[in-house]
Amino acid sequence: MKLSTLNDVLAFVAGRGEDRVALWQDSDNTWKPISANEFVARVKSFAGWLRSQGVQKGDRIALIAENRWEWAVTDFGVMSIGAVGVPLFPTLTGEQTAAQLKDSGAKICVVSNTELAKKVREHQGNTAVTTIVVMDIKQPLEDTINFADTLTTAPLADFDATTRSIQPDDLATIIYTSGTTGDAKGVMLTHNHIASNLEMTTSLFSFNASDSCVSFLPLSHVTARHVDYLLYATGTTVAYCGRVDRLMPAFQAVKPTIFVAVPRLYERIRHSVEQKSSGSPVKKKILHWAIRTGRSHHAPLLAGKTPASPLWKIANVLVYKKVRAAFGGCVRYFVSGGAPLGIDLANWFADAGIPVLEGYGLTETSPVISVNIPGAHKIGTTGKTVANLECRIAEDGELEVRGPSVFKGYWNKPEATADALTPDGWFHTGDIGHIDSEGYLTITDRKRELIKTTNGKFIAPQPIENKLKVSSLIGHVALQGDKRKYVTALMTPNLPVLEERAKTLGLDTTNKTEIVTNPQILALFQSELDRVNADLAPFEKIKRFKLLPIEWTIETGELTPSMKLKRRIVAQRHAAEIASMYGEGE
């Protein structure tokens, strides 16, 4: 598929007429379809409303909302007239929202509900925002516009000519990075950046009009947004699910054929399967047998084929089908992105008859750099790099990339741009990796997150943390040890699992501090450390750990919206606990 701008994606949708392009849930959770004609008509009306407000090419329009059809209509409407979309995460604090609104210079802010509108209004005086549009207005809110009213505007008269006038090098969006290592930066992506990357992914995956996918990963994140463009460009039905508590019912109702998620969700699914089987010795034995059986059948599975072995087929009926049933039972593509999947987790799903296609990319690369695909899938890697990107490994092991999808710079940050891009266009990804003889890319860790002990040894924390998180007991792990003699681990529990274990020990489950300091509970966590330590080099071994009586979440600020750990925040908040794991001079 040849794409010059993202407006070409909308043109493809327009050509589908009465075909269904999207699904949404109304107030009683009934799924309702939106045809291509309806969708495009709404985009044209919203574009007409933007023009009536004086919005010109290059003006920034902010969007703060959960996944819903209005998100896509706003996005395409903004791009159709050459304006620049600025998606912000709804989970940001008021101060963070205000900072990004101010930095972007957005004049109009479209939000999903009155709570978000109030958050914007509270800091509006420090921003350039003059108009707030609200999708769900349960009660009148002064000085706001109902999103539904924008769709009653006459469609933009010269819509087709306007969309065709937008050039590949015109700015399409500013996406703020999640800020795992510092303050968020606005990544400038043109139409060509995203469209050229989209050309690659449309050629790698055979999505079509018979497919469907539940859109639930935050659309403010570049991965989710790219996936949605890919779905629209291939005729796949997009089913919007803006609430996590509606996700499992959505799978059963929609029965998607494509499932894209971050590793944390795959971890939770694995833990859920293991937890359900643990209550019955027979079920537990069957699960373990099925996993062992699946382990010897990776080769045909990764080649995109169904194993012919009778044992595998029995395991499929007894176990694998039931795991897939949790996703609706019809998924043919399982994809993971946004953070490292981890080889243990990838192997477990392959053992369970589900090959998870791991990919890798960054906001700055629009985003896909590499991805595993059916028939070219190697567990432990992020797949082969896409054809229109050049990749090289620097002397210090950092991956550098160059090509049409590499961003043009950071908004209002020329120094940061100069640090990230070489004069001849190579982007410093900040990730340590290597490319094997077959062309598969493996990412070890973030360059800035490498631990260097006082003995001069470098340790990549993420692979070790991922091995620990295989345990259903463990929620999150943050390895420590930079500029210290040895490695330690700061851990949070998977609270529901921990509470079940605490009950069997007769502990008060309402007292989390008592639970995490109980010797028998600590012994369980120590056994998990021992399991992982057994395969580590002496300098990598975790000497001590601290178990916290809390969970790290997006809402409490330790995780990014894509569930990645904010190490700087964790280190600041738990400095005392970290210090307690080291003696003087350690």
Protein backbone atom coordinates (compact mmCIF):
# COMPACT_ATOMS: atom_id res chain seq x y z
CA MET A 1 0.00 0.00 0.00
CA LYS A 2 1.45 3.37 -1.07
CA LEU A 3 0.87 6.14 1.48
CA SER A 4 2.12 9.71 1.14
CA THR A 5 0.22 11.21 4.07
CA LEU A 6 -2.09 9.92 6.78
CA ASN A 7 -4.96 11.49 4.86
CA ASP A 8 -4.46 8.63 2.40
CA VAL A 9 -5.60 6.27 5.16
CA LEU A 10 -8.83 8.25 5.48
CA ALA A 11 -9.23 8.17 1.69
CA PHE A 12 -9.03 4.37 1.83
CA VAL A 13 -11.73 4.33 4.53
CA ALA A 14 -13.90 6.64 2.40
CA GLY A 15 -13.76 4.15 -0.44
CA ARG A 16 -15.35 1.42 1.67
CA GLY A 17 -18.86 2.91 1.62
CA GLU A 18 -21.24 1.08 3.91
CA ASP A 19 -18.64 -1.38 5.22
CA ARG A 20 -18.24 -1.45 9.00
CA VAL A 21 -15.05 0.27 10.15
CA ALA A 22 -15.57 0.68 13.88
CA LEU A 23 -17.51 -0.54 16.90
CA TRP A 24 -18.34 1.35 20.07
CA GLN A 25 -20.26 0.69 23.27
CA ASP A 26 -23.25 2.74 24.34
CA SER A 27 -24.35 3.35 27.94
CA ASP A 28 -25.86 -0.14 28.30
CA ASN A 29 -22.69 -1.79 26.90
CA THR A 30 -24.32 -2.70 23.59
CA TRP A 31 -21.81 -2.76 20.73
CA LYS A 32 -22.87 -0.57 17.82
CA PRO A 33 -21.29 -0.31 14.37
CA ILE A 34 -20.08 2.75 12.48
CA SER A 35 -19.92 2.49 8.69
CA ALA A 36 -17.17 4.02 6.59
CA ASN A 37 -19.64 6.60 5.23
CA GLU A 38 -20.72 7.61 8.76
CA PHE A 39 -17.15 7.82 9.97
CA VAL A 40 -15.92 9.99 7.11
CA ALA A 41 -18.99 12.25 7.37
CA ARG A 42 -18.19 12.91 11.02
CA VAL A 43 -14.55 13.67 10.16
CA LYS A 44 -15.67 16.16 7.50
CA SER A 45 -18.05 17.87 9.92
CA PHE A 46 -15.41 18.12 12.62
CA ALA A 47 -12.95 19.51 10.06
CA GLY A 48 -15.60 22.07 9.08
CA TRP A 49 -16.02 23.05 12.73
CA LEU A 50 -12.26 23.46 13.19
CA ARG A 51 -12.13 25.74 10.16
CA SER A 52 -15.09 27.75 11.52
CA GLN A 53 -13.02 28.36 14.65
CA GLY A 54 -10.21 29.82 12.59
CA VAL A 55 -7.89 26.82 12.86
CA GLN A 56 -5.16 27.00 10.24
CA LYS A 57 -2.48 24.68 8.94
CA GLY A 58 0.15 24.11 11.62
CA ASP A 59 -2.08 25.06 14.57
CA ARG A 60 -1.91 22.60 17.45
CA ILE A 61 -5.04 20.82 18.75
CA ALA A 62 -4.76 18.88 22.01
CA LEU A 63 -6.68 15.65 22.61
CA ILE A 64 -7.15 14.08 26.04
CA ALA A 65 -9.42 11.05 26.00
CA GLU A 66 -9.72 7.32 26.46
CA ASN A 67 -10.03 5.08 23.39
CA ARG A 68 -13.29 5.83 21.58
CA TRP A 69 -14.52 6.62 18.08
CA GLU A 70 -14.49 10.37 18.83
CA TRP A 71 -10.70 10.09 19.34
CA ALA A 72 -10.24 8.85 15.78
CA VAL A 73 -12.68 11.39 14.31
CA THR A 74 -10.85 14.22 16.07
CA ASP A 75 -7.46 12.91 14.98
CA PHE A 76 -8.37 12.52 11.31
CA GLY A 77 -10.28 15.80 11.33
CA VAL A 78 -7.26 17.68 12.67
CA MET A 79 -4.87 16.14 10.14
CA SER A 80 -7.26 16.62 7.22
CA ILE A 81 -6.83 20.41 7.35
CA GLY A 82 -3.11 20.32 8.11
CA ALA A 83 -3.40 21.09 11.81
CA VAL A 84 -1.21 19.23 14.31
CA GLY A 85 -2.62 16.75 16.82
CA VAL A 86 -1.20 16.75 20.34
CA PRO A 87 -2.47 13.70 22.26
CA LEU A 88 -2.01 13.81 26.04
CA PHE A 89 -2.56 10.98 28.52
CA PRO A 90 -5.72 11.36 30.63
CA THR A 91 -3.75 10.00 33.61
CA LEU A 92 -1.40 13.00 33.76
CA THR A 93 -1.64 15.30 36.76
CA GLY A 94 -3.03 18.80 36.31
CA GLU A 95 0.48 20.26 36.43
CA GLN A 96 1.82 17.79 33.84
CA THR A 97 -1.16 18.44 31.57
CA ALA A 98 -0.68 22.19 31.86
CA ALA A 99 3.05 21.93 31.12
CA GLN A 100 2.46 19.98 27.91
CA LEU A 101 -0.41 22.22 26.81
CA LYS A 102 1.76 25.27 27.39
CA ASP A 103 4.76 23.78 25.61
CA SER A 104 2.71 22.74 22.57
CA GLY A 105 0.85 26.04 22.30
CA ALA A 106 -2.42 24.19 21.64
CA LYS A 107 -5.37 26.55 21.08
CA ILE A 108 -8.17 24.00 21.28
CA CYS A 109 -8.34 21.10 23.71
CA VAL A 110 -10.73 18.19 23.12
CA VAL A 111 -11.39 16.06 26.22
CA SER A 112 -13.56 13.04 26.95
CA ASN A 113 -15.35 14.17 30.13
CA THR A 114 -16.07 17.07 32.44
CA GLU A 115 -13.46 15.94 34.99
CA LEU A 116 -10.73 16.33 32.39
CA ALA A 117 -12.27 19.63 31.27
CA LYS A 118 -12.03 20.92 34.84
CA LYS A 119 -8.40 19.80 35.02
CA VAL A 120 -7.62 21.81 31.88
CA ARG A 121 -9.64 24.82 33.03
CA GLU A 122 -7.84 24.92 36.37
CA HIS A 123 -4.56 25.67 34.57
CA GLN A 124 -5.95 27.27 31.40
CA GLY A 125 -4.55 30.68 32.24
CA ASN A 126 -1.01 29.35 31.91
CA THR A 127 -1.66 27.92 28.45
CA ALA A 128 -2.74 29.12 25.01
CA VAL A 129 -6.00 27.13 25.17
CA THR A 130 -9.03 29.25 24.29
CA THR A 131 -11.61 26.52 23.63
CA ILE A 132 -12.41 23.26 25.44
CA VAL A 133 -14.56 20.63 23.72
CA VAL A 134 -16.10 17.87 25.83
CA MET A 135 -17.28 14.49 24.47
CA ASP A 136 -19.40 13.42 27.45
CA ILE A 137 -21.21 16.29 29.15
CA LYS A 138 -23.32 14.86 31.97
CA GLN A 139 -24.08 18.31 33.30
CA PRO A 140 -23.60 21.76 31.74
CA LEU A 141 -20.10 23.16 32.16
CA GLU A 142 -19.55 26.85 31.59
CA ASP A 143 -17.36 27.91 28.66
CA THR A 144 -17.15 24.47 27.06
CA ILE A 145 -18.50 23.06 23.79
CA ASN A 146 -20.31 19.77 23.42
CA PHE A 147 -18.44 17.51 20.97
CA ALA A 148 -21.77 16.40 19.49
CA ASP A 149 -22.46 20.01 18.48
CA THR A 150 -19.26 20.14 16.42
CA LEU A 151 -20.62 17.31 14.28
CA THR A 152 -23.72 19.34 13.36
CA THR A 153 -21.46 21.79 11.51
CA ALA A 154 -21.65 21.72 7.72
CA PRO A 155 -18.91 19.49 6.28
CA LEU A 156 -15.81 21.29 5.07
CA ALA A 157 -16.74 22.35 1.52
CA ASP A 158 -13.30 21.86 -0.01
CA PHE A 159 -12.48 18.80 2.11
CA ASP A 160 -10.98 16.59 -0.62
CA ALA A 161 -8.88 19.41 -2.07
CA THR A 162 -7.71 20.41 1.41
CA THR A 163 -6.61 16.88 2.33
CA ARG A 164 -4.74 16.56 -0.98
CA SER A 165 -2.93 19.83 -0.30
CA ILE A 166 -1.27 18.41 2.80
CA GLN A 167 2.31 17.46 2.01
CA PRO A 168 4.34 14.48 3.29
CA ASP A 169 6.76 16.76 5.11
CA ASP A 170 3.99 18.68 6.91
CA LEU A 171 3.88 18.14 10.66
CA ALA A 172 1.15 15.66 11.64
CA THR A 173 1.54 15.34 15.38
CA ILE A 174 3.54 16.15 18.48
CA ILE A 175 3.71 13.18 20.84
CA TYR A 176 5.19 13.64 24.29
CA THR A 177 7.51 10.87 25.46
CA SER A 178 6.55 9.01 28.61
CA GLY A 179 9.45 10.49 30.58
CA THR A 180 11.01 7.34 32.07
CA THR A 181 14.39 9.06 32.35
CA GLY A 182 13.42 12.71 32.78
CA ASP A 183 10.99 15.38 31.64
CA ALA A 184 8.72 14.55 28.70
CA LYS A 185 9.81 15.85 25.30
CA GLY A 186 7.50 16.61 22.37
CA VAL A 187 8.45 14.40 19.42
CA MET A 188 7.65 16.02 16.06
CA LEU A 189 6.40 13.51 13.48
CA THR A 190 5.43 14.46 9.94
CA HIS A 191 2.87 12.70 7.77
CA ASN A 192 5.71 11.01 5.90
CA HIS A 193 7.36 9.74 9.08
CA ILE A 194 4.26 7.78 10.12
CA ALA A 195 3.06 6.94 6.60
CA SER A 196 6.41 5.48 5.55
CA ASN A 197 6.45 3.30 8.66
CA LEU A 198 2.85 2.30 8.04
CA GLU A 199 3.79 1.16 4.53
CA MET A 200 6.19 -1.31 6.14
CA THR A 201 3.73 -2.77 8.65
CA THR A 202 0.89 -3.08 6.13
CA SER A 203 3.25 -5.18 3.98
CA LEU A 204 4.23 -7.43 6.92
CA PHE A 205 0.78 -8.31 8.26
CA SER A 206 -2.09 -9.69 6.19
CA PHE A 207 -4.91 -7.91 8.03
CA ASN A 208 -8.14 -7.58 6.05
CA ALA A 209 -11.84 -6.73 6.25
CA SER A 210 -12.68 -10.02 7.97
CA ASP A 211 -10.41 -9.10 10.91
CA SER A 212 -11.20 -7.16 14.07
CA CYS A 213 -9.18 -5.77 16.94
CA VAL A 214 -10.10 -4.30 20.33
CA SER A 215 -8.41 -0.90 20.66
CA PHE A 216 -7.60 -0.45 24.34
CA LEU A 217 -3.94 0.57 24.63
CA PRO A 218 -3.82 4.35 25.23
CA LEU A 219 -4.04 6.15 21.88
CA SER A 220 -1.84 8.90 23.28
CA HIS A 221 0.97 6.34 22.96
CA VAL A 222 2.53 6.05 19.51
CA THR A 223 2.28 2.23 19.37
CA ALA A 224 -1.50 2.17 19.87
CA ARG A 225 -1.99 5.00 17.42
CA HIS A 226 0.11 3.30 14.75
CA VAL A 227 -1.87 0.09 15.25
CA ASP A 228 -5.16 1.95 14.76
CA TYR A 229 -3.88 3.53 11.53
CA LEU A 230 -2.80 0.06 10.41
CA LEU A 231 -6.28 -1.31 11.16
CA TYR A 232 -8.04 1.47 9.25
CA ALA A 233 -5.60 1.13 6.33
CA THR A 234 -6.27 -2.61 5.99
CA GLY A 235 -10.05 -2.55 6.40
CA THR A 236 -9.96 -4.16 9.84
CA THR A 237 -12.81 -3.34 12.24
CA VAL A 238 -11.65 -1.26 15.22
CA ALA A 239 -13.60 -1.93 18.42
CA TYR A 240 -13.01 0.83 20.95
CA CYS A 241 -12.74 -0.09 24.62
CA GLY A 242 -11.84 2.82 26.86
CA ARG A 243 -12.10 1.02 30.21
CA VAL A 244 -9.94 -1.82 31.46
CA ASP A 245 -12.82 -3.31 33.49
CA ARG A 246 -14.72 -3.81 30.20
CA LEU A 247 -11.82 -5.46 28.41
CA MET A 248 -12.51 -9.14 29.07
CA PRO A 249 -16.24 -8.81 28.23
CA ALA A 250 -15.18 -6.94 25.08
CA PHE A 251 -13.08 -9.89 23.96
CA GLN A 252 -16.04 -12.21 24.36
CA ALA A 253 -18.42 -9.88 22.51
CA VAL A 254 -16.15 -8.81 19.66
CA LYS A 255 -14.11 -12.03 19.33
CA PRO A 256 -11.12 -10.20 17.85
CA THR A 257 -8.72 -11.83 15.43
CA ILE A 258 -5.88 -9.44 16.33
CA PHE A 259 -4.62 -8.79 19.85
CA VAL A 260 -1.98 -6.14 20.58
CA ALA A 261 -0.89 -5.52 24.17
CA VAL A 262 2.00 -4.48 26.39
CA PRO A 263 3.99 -7.19 28.24
CA ARG A 264 2.37 -6.40 31.57
CA LEU A 265 -0.99 -7.63 30.30
CA TYR A 266 0.58 -10.84 29.03
CA GLU A 267 2.13 -11.30 32.49
CA ARG A 268 -1.27 -10.90 34.13
CA ILE A 269 -2.85 -13.43 31.79
CA ARG A 270 -0.14 -15.98 32.55
CA HIS A 271 -0.52 -15.42 36.29
CA SER A 272 -4.29 -15.79 35.99
CA VAL A 273 -3.98 -19.12 34.16
CA GLU A 274 -1.49 -20.46 36.71
CA GLN A 275 -3.56 -19.18 39.61
CA LYS A 276 -6.73 -20.89 38.37
CA SER A 277 -4.95 -24.22 37.97
CA SER A 278 -3.26 -24.04 41.39
CA GLY A 279 -6.54 -24.72 43.19
CA SER A 280 -6.76 -28.24 41.81
CA PRO A 281 -3.86 -30.76 41.83
CA VAL A 282 -5.29 -32.39 38.69
CA LYS A 283 -5.61 -29.09 36.78
CA LYS A 284 -2.13 -28.08 37.88
CA LYS A 285 -0.67 -31.35 36.64
CA ILE A 286 -2.47 -31.05 33.29
CA LEU A 287 -1.24 -27.46 32.82
CA HIS A 288 2.37 -28.44 33.57
CA TRP A 289 2.12 -31.40 31.17
CA ALA A 290 0.66 -29.20 28.42
CA ILE A 291 3.41 -26.59 28.89
CA ARG A 292 6.11 -29.30 28.69
CA THR A 293 4.45 -30.72 25.58
CA GLY A 294 4.27 -27.33 23.92
CA ARG A 295 7.94 -26.66 24.62
CA SER A 296 8.99 -29.33 22.14
CA HIS A 297 6.77 -27.96 19.37
CA HIS A 298 8.07 -24.40 19.01
CA ALA A 299 9.54 -24.90 15.52
CA PRO A 300 6.30 -25.39 13.55
CA LEU A 301 4.47 -22.85 15.71
CA LEU A 302 7.02 -20.09 15.04
CA ALA A 303 6.92 -20.98 11.35
CA GLY A 304 3.23 -20.12 11.40
CA LYS A 305 2.02 -23.71 11.25
CA THR A 306 -0.10 -25.90 13.52
CA PRO A 307 1.93 -28.76 15.03
CA ALA A 308 0.83 -32.15 13.70
CA SER A 309 1.76 -34.11 16.82
CA PRO A 310 -1.17 -36.01 18.46
CA LEU A 311 0.14 -35.01 21.90
CA TRP A 312 0.12 -31.34 20.95
CA LYS A 313 -3.44 -31.67 19.64
CA ILE A 314 -4.56 -33.24 22.94
CA ALA A 315 -2.84 -30.44 24.89
CA ASN A 316 -4.52 -27.95 22.57
CA VAL A 317 -7.98 -29.28 23.45
CA LEU A 318 -7.27 -29.56 27.19
CA VAL A 319 -5.36 -26.31 27.75
CA TYR A 320 -4.30 -24.12 24.81
CA LYS A 321 -7.82 -23.53 23.50
CA LYS A 322 -8.97 -22.47 26.96
CA VAL A 323 -6.16 -19.91 27.20
CA ARG A 324 -7.12 -18.52 23.79
CA ALA A 325 -10.78 -18.48 24.84
CA ALA A 326 -9.96 -15.72 27.32
CA PHE A 327 -9.27 -13.50 24.28
CA GLY A 328 -12.52 -14.51 22.57
CA GLY A 329 -11.15 -17.65 20.95
CA CYS A 330 -10.54 -16.24 17.46
CA VAL A 331 -7.20 -14.40 17.70
CA ARG A 332 -4.75 -15.28 14.93
CA TYR A 333 -2.18 -12.54 15.66
CA PHE A 334 -0.85 -11.98 19.18
CA VAL A 335 1.48 -8.96 19.22
CA SER A 336 3.48 -7.36 22.04
CA GLY A 337 5.11 -3.94 22.07
CA GLY A 338 5.77 -0.85 24.17
CA ALA A 339 8.28 -2.60 26.46
CA PRO A 340 10.45 -5.76 26.42
CA LEU A 341 8.39 -8.97 26.55
CA GLY A 342 11.11 -11.06 28.19
CA ILE A 343 12.26 -14.44 26.91
CA ASP A 344 10.68 -16.40 29.77
CA LEU A 345 7.24 -14.92 29.17
CA ALA A 346 7.55 -15.36 25.39
CA ASN A 347 8.55 -18.99 25.85
CA TRP A 348 5.65 -19.69 28.23
CA PHE A 349 3.08 -18.43 25.72
CA ALA A 350 4.73 -20.42 22.92
CA ASP A 351 4.63 -23.44 25.26
CA ALA A 352 0.89 -22.75 25.62
CA GLY A 353 0.41 -22.77 21.86
CA ILE A 354 0.40 -18.97 21.48
CA PRO A 355 3.34 -17.43 19.60
CA VAL A 356 3.51 -13.78 20.68
CA LEU A 357 5.02 -11.57 17.98
CA GLU A 358 7.28 -9.12 19.78
CA GLY A 359 8.19 -5.83 18.16
CA TYR A 360 10.36 -2.88 19.05
CA GLY A 361 10.19 0.81 18.33
CA LEU A 362 10.25 4.29 19.78
CA THR A 363 8.13 7.41 19.51
CA GLU A 364 11.01 9.00 17.61
CA THR A 365 10.86 6.28 14.91
CA SER A 366 7.09 6.43 14.27
CA PRO A 367 7.45 3.80 15.96
CA VAL A 368 8.32 0.39 14.43
CA ILE A 369 12.01 -0.46 14.07
CA SER A 370 11.71 -4.24 14.07
CA VAL A 371 9.03 -6.89 14.52
CA ASN A 372 8.61 -10.65 14.46
CA ILE A 373 6.08 -11.93 11.94
CA PRO A 374 4.59 -15.37 11.25
CA GLY A 375 7.23 -17.45 9.49
CA ALA A 376 10.07 -15.13 10.60
CA HIS A 377 9.85 -15.34 14.37
CA LYS A 378 12.69 -15.85 16.82
CA ILE A 379 11.85 -15.81 20.53
CA GLY A 380 14.08 -13.53 22.57
CA THR A 381 14.46 -11.06 19.71
CA THR A 382 12.30 -8.18 18.48
CA GLY A 383 12.39 -9.52 14.93
CA LYS A 384 14.06 -8.24 11.79
CA THR A 385 14.31 -4.52 11.14
CA VAL A 386 11.84 -3.02 8.66
CA ALA A 387 13.12 -2.72 5.12
CA ASN A 388 13.33 1.07 4.82
CA LEU A 389 15.42 1.61 7.97
CA GLU A 390 19.20 1.42 8.32
CA CYS A 391 20.48 0.11 11.65
CA ARG A 392 23.95 0.02 13.13
CA ILE A 393 25.47 -0.79 16.49
CA ALA A 394 27.82 1.86 17.89
CA GLU A 395 31.08 0.98 19.64
CA ASP A 396 29.41 1.20 23.05
CA GLY A 397 26.63 -1.17 21.93
CA GLU A 398 23.95 1.49 21.35
CA LEU A 399 21.55 0.93 18.47
CA GLU A 400 21.41 3.77 15.96
CA VAL A 401 18.85 4.03 13.16
CA ARG A 402 18.33 6.15 10.07
CA GLY A 403 15.50 6.31 7.58
CA PRO A 404 12.24 8.01 6.49
CA SER A 405 10.39 7.28 9.75
CA VAL A 406 12.99 8.93 12.02
CA PHE A 407 11.57 12.11 13.59
CA LYS A 408 12.57 15.66 12.71
CA GLY A 409 13.33 16.76 16.28
CA TYR A 410 11.93 17.67 19.68
CA TRP A 411 9.45 20.54 19.86
CA ASN A 412 11.06 23.66 21.35
CA LYS A 413 14.18 21.68 22.32
CA PRO A 414 16.99 22.28 19.80
CA GLU A 415 19.71 21.10 22.18
CA ALA A 416 17.97 17.81 22.91
CA THR A 417 17.42 17.39 19.16
CA ALA A 418 21.13 17.93 18.46
CA ASP A 419 22.01 15.35 21.12
CA ALA A 420 19.65 12.77 19.64
CA LEU A 421 20.39 13.16 15.92
CA THR A 422 23.70 13.20 14.08
CA PRO A 423 24.16 15.74 11.24
CA ASP A 424 23.72 12.91 8.72
CA GLY A 425 20.45 11.70 10.23
CA TRP A 426 21.38 8.84 12.55
CA PHE A 427 19.21 8.67 15.67
CA HIS A 428 20.73 7.56 18.98
CA THR A 429 18.01 5.25 20.31
CA GLY A 430 19.46 5.04 23.84
CA ASP A 431 19.00 1.26 23.72
CA ILE A 432 21.74 -1.35 23.91
CA GLY A 433 21.31 -4.15 21.40
CA HIS A 434 22.81 -6.46 18.83
CA ILE A 435 21.84 -7.92 15.45
CA ASP A 436 22.53 -11.59 14.80
CA SER A 437 23.73 -13.24 11.59
CA GLU A 438 20.13 -13.76 10.41
CA GLY A 439 19.22 -10.11 10.91
CA TYR A 440 17.20 -10.46 14.11
CA LEU A 441 17.50 -7.58 16.57
CA THR A 442 17.82 -8.13 20.31
CA ILE A 443 17.46 -5.21 22.74
CA THR A 444 19.24 -5.73 26.05
CA ASP A 445 18.33 -2.60 27.99
CA ARG A 446 18.21 1.16 28.04
CA LYS A 447 21.71 2.62 27.92
CA ARG A 448 20.93 5.01 30.77
CA GLU A 449 19.52 2.20 32.90
CA LEU A 450 22.60 -0.02 32.85
CA ILE A 451 23.98 -0.61 36.34
CA LYS A 452 27.73 -0.20 36.81
CA THR A 453 28.97 -1.58 40.12
CA THR A 454 32.06 -0.30 41.92
CA ASN A 455 33.83 -3.40 40.58
CA GLY A 456 33.42 -2.00 37.07
CA LYS A 457 30.86 -4.59 35.96
CA PHE A 458 27.92 -3.56 33.78
CA ILE A 459 24.53 -5.17 34.46
CA ALA A 460 21.38 -4.88 32.34
CA PRO A 461 18.49 -4.79 34.85
CA GLN A 462 15.50 -5.48 32.58
CA PRO A 463 16.27 -9.12 31.64
CA ILE A 464 16.78 -9.99 35.32
CA GLU A 465 13.67 -8.11 36.39
CA ASN A 466 11.63 -9.89 33.71
CA LYS A 467 12.82 -13.28 34.99
CA LEU A 468 11.64 -12.35 38.48
CA LYS A 469 8.28 -11.09 37.26
CA VAL A 470 7.53 -14.54 35.85
CA SER A 471 6.48 -15.35 39.43
CA SER A 472 2.81 -14.67 40.13
CA LEU A 473 3.88 -13.34 43.55
CA ILE A 474 5.84 -10.44 42.12
CA GLY A 475 4.31 -7.27 40.72
CA HIS A 476 7.26 -5.07 39.81
CA VAL A 477 11.01 -5.09 40.38
CA ALA A 478 13.58 -2.29 40.31
CA LEU A 479 17.17 -3.52 40.53
CA GLN A 480 19.63 -1.27 42.35
CA GLY A 481 23.42 -1.26 42.49
CA ASP A 482 24.76 1.58 40.34
CA LYS A 483 28.03 2.80 41.89
CA ARG A 484 27.64 0.21 44.66
CA LYS A 485 29.40 -3.06 45.46
CA TYR A 486 26.51 -5.40 44.68
CA VAL A 487 23.02 -5.68 43.24
CA THR A 488 19.82 -5.48 45.29
CA ALA A 489 16.15 -5.56 44.39
CA LEU A 490 13.28 -3.30 45.37
CA MET A 491 10.08 -5.29 44.83
CA THR A 492 6.34 -4.81 44.98
CA PRO A 493 3.99 -7.78 45.33
CA ASN A 494 1.10 -8.88 43.20
CA LEU A 495 -1.28 -8.00 46.04
CA PRO A 496 -4.22 -10.34 45.24
CA VAL A 497 -1.87 -13.34 45.03
CA LEU A 498 0.02 -12.23 48.13
CA GLU A 499 -3.20 -11.88 50.11
CA GLU A 500 -4.24 -15.42 49.18
CA ARG A 501 -0.90 -16.73 50.42
CA ALA A 502 -1.25 -14.64 53.59
CA LYS A 503 -4.67 -16.19 54.31
CA THR A 504 -3.21 -19.69 54.22
CA LEU A 505 -0.68 -18.55 56.83
CA GLY A 506 -3.37 -17.04 59.05
CA LEU A 507 -2.13 -13.48 58.60
CA ASP A 508 -4.24 -10.33 58.80
CA THR A 509 -4.70 -9.45 55.11
CA THR A 510 -5.65 -5.85 55.92
CA ASN A 511 -2.20 -5.20 57.39
CA LYS A 512 0.08 -5.11 54.34
CA THR A 513 3.15 -4.07 56.33
CA GLU A 514 2.79 -7.12 58.57
CA ILE A 515 2.46 -9.36 55.53
CA VAL A 516 5.58 -8.09 53.71
CA THR A 517 7.72 -8.41 56.84
CA ASN A 518 6.50 -11.90 57.78
CA PRO A 519 9.43 -14.40 57.68
CA GLN A 520 7.40 -17.04 55.85
CA ILE A 521 6.30 -14.57 53.17
CA LEU A 522 9.85 -13.27 52.80
CA ALA A 523 11.05 -16.85 52.40
CA LEU A 524 8.70 -17.25 49.41
CA PHE A 525 10.20 -14.20 47.74
CA GLN A 526 13.72 -15.32 48.61
CA SER A 527 13.04 -18.61 46.81
CA GLU A 528 12.13 -16.64 43.69
CA LEU A 529 15.41 -14.73 43.97
CA ASP A 530 17.27 -18.00 44.40
CA ARG A 531 15.60 -19.35 41.25
CA VAL A 532 16.80 -16.39 39.19
CA ASN A 533 20.20 -16.07 40.88
CA ALA A 534 21.02 -19.68 39.94
CA ASP A 535 21.41 -18.64 36.29
CA LEU A 536 23.22 -15.34 36.84
CA ALA A 537 26.90 -14.51 36.78
CA PRO A 538 28.40 -13.89 40.24
CA PHE A 539 28.50 -10.09 39.73
CA GLU A 540 24.81 -10.07 38.64
CA LYS A 541 23.43 -12.00 41.61
CA ILE A 542 20.93 -10.18 43.82
CA LYS A 543 22.35 -10.09 47.36
CA ARG A 544 19.41 -8.49 49.19
CA PHE A 545 15.86 -7.38 48.54
CA LYS A 546 13.22 -5.13 50.04
CA LEU A 547 9.54 -6.00 49.70
CA LEU A 548 7.20 -3.00 49.75
CA PRO A 549 3.60 -3.13 51.06
CA ILE A 550 2.26 -1.30 47.99
CA GLU A 551 1.77 -1.68 44.25
CA TRP A 552 3.35 0.62 41.67
CA THR A 553 0.78 1.95 39.26
CA ILE A 554 0.21 4.56 36.57
CA GLU A 555 -2.04 6.51 38.95
CA THR A 556 0.56 6.64 41.74
CA GLY A 557 3.23 7.76 39.29
CA GLU A 558 5.80 4.94 39.31
CA LEU A 559 4.71 3.58 35.91
CA THR A 560 4.30 5.26 32.55
CA PRO A 561 0.97 4.84 30.69
CA SER A 562 2.63 1.98 28.75
CA MET A 563 3.46 0.29 32.08
CA LYS A 564 7.20 1.02 31.98
CA LEU A 565 9.02 1.71 35.22
CA LYS A 566 9.95 5.30 36.07
CA ARG A 567 13.24 4.43 37.74
CA ARG A 568 14.11 7.98 38.76
CA ILE A 569 10.77 8.39 40.55
CA VAL A 570 11.13 5.00 42.26
CA ALA A 571 14.66 5.83 43.41
CA GLN A 572 13.56 9.19 44.82
CA ARG A 573 10.50 7.84 46.65
CA HIS A 574 12.26 4.81 48.12
CA ALA A 575 15.71 6.21 48.84
CA ALA A 576 15.52 5.10 52.48
CA GLU A 577 14.54 1.52 51.60
CA ILE A 578 17.33 1.34 49.01
CA ALA A 579 19.88 2.67 51.51
CA SER A 580 18.77 0.07 54.06
CA MET A 581 19.97 -2.72 51.74
CA TYR A 582 23.55 -1.42 51.83
CA GLY A 583 26.01 -0.97 54.64
CA GLU A 584 28.42 1.94 55.02
CA GLY A 585 30.71 2.12 52.01
CA GLU A 586 28.67 -0.37 49.99
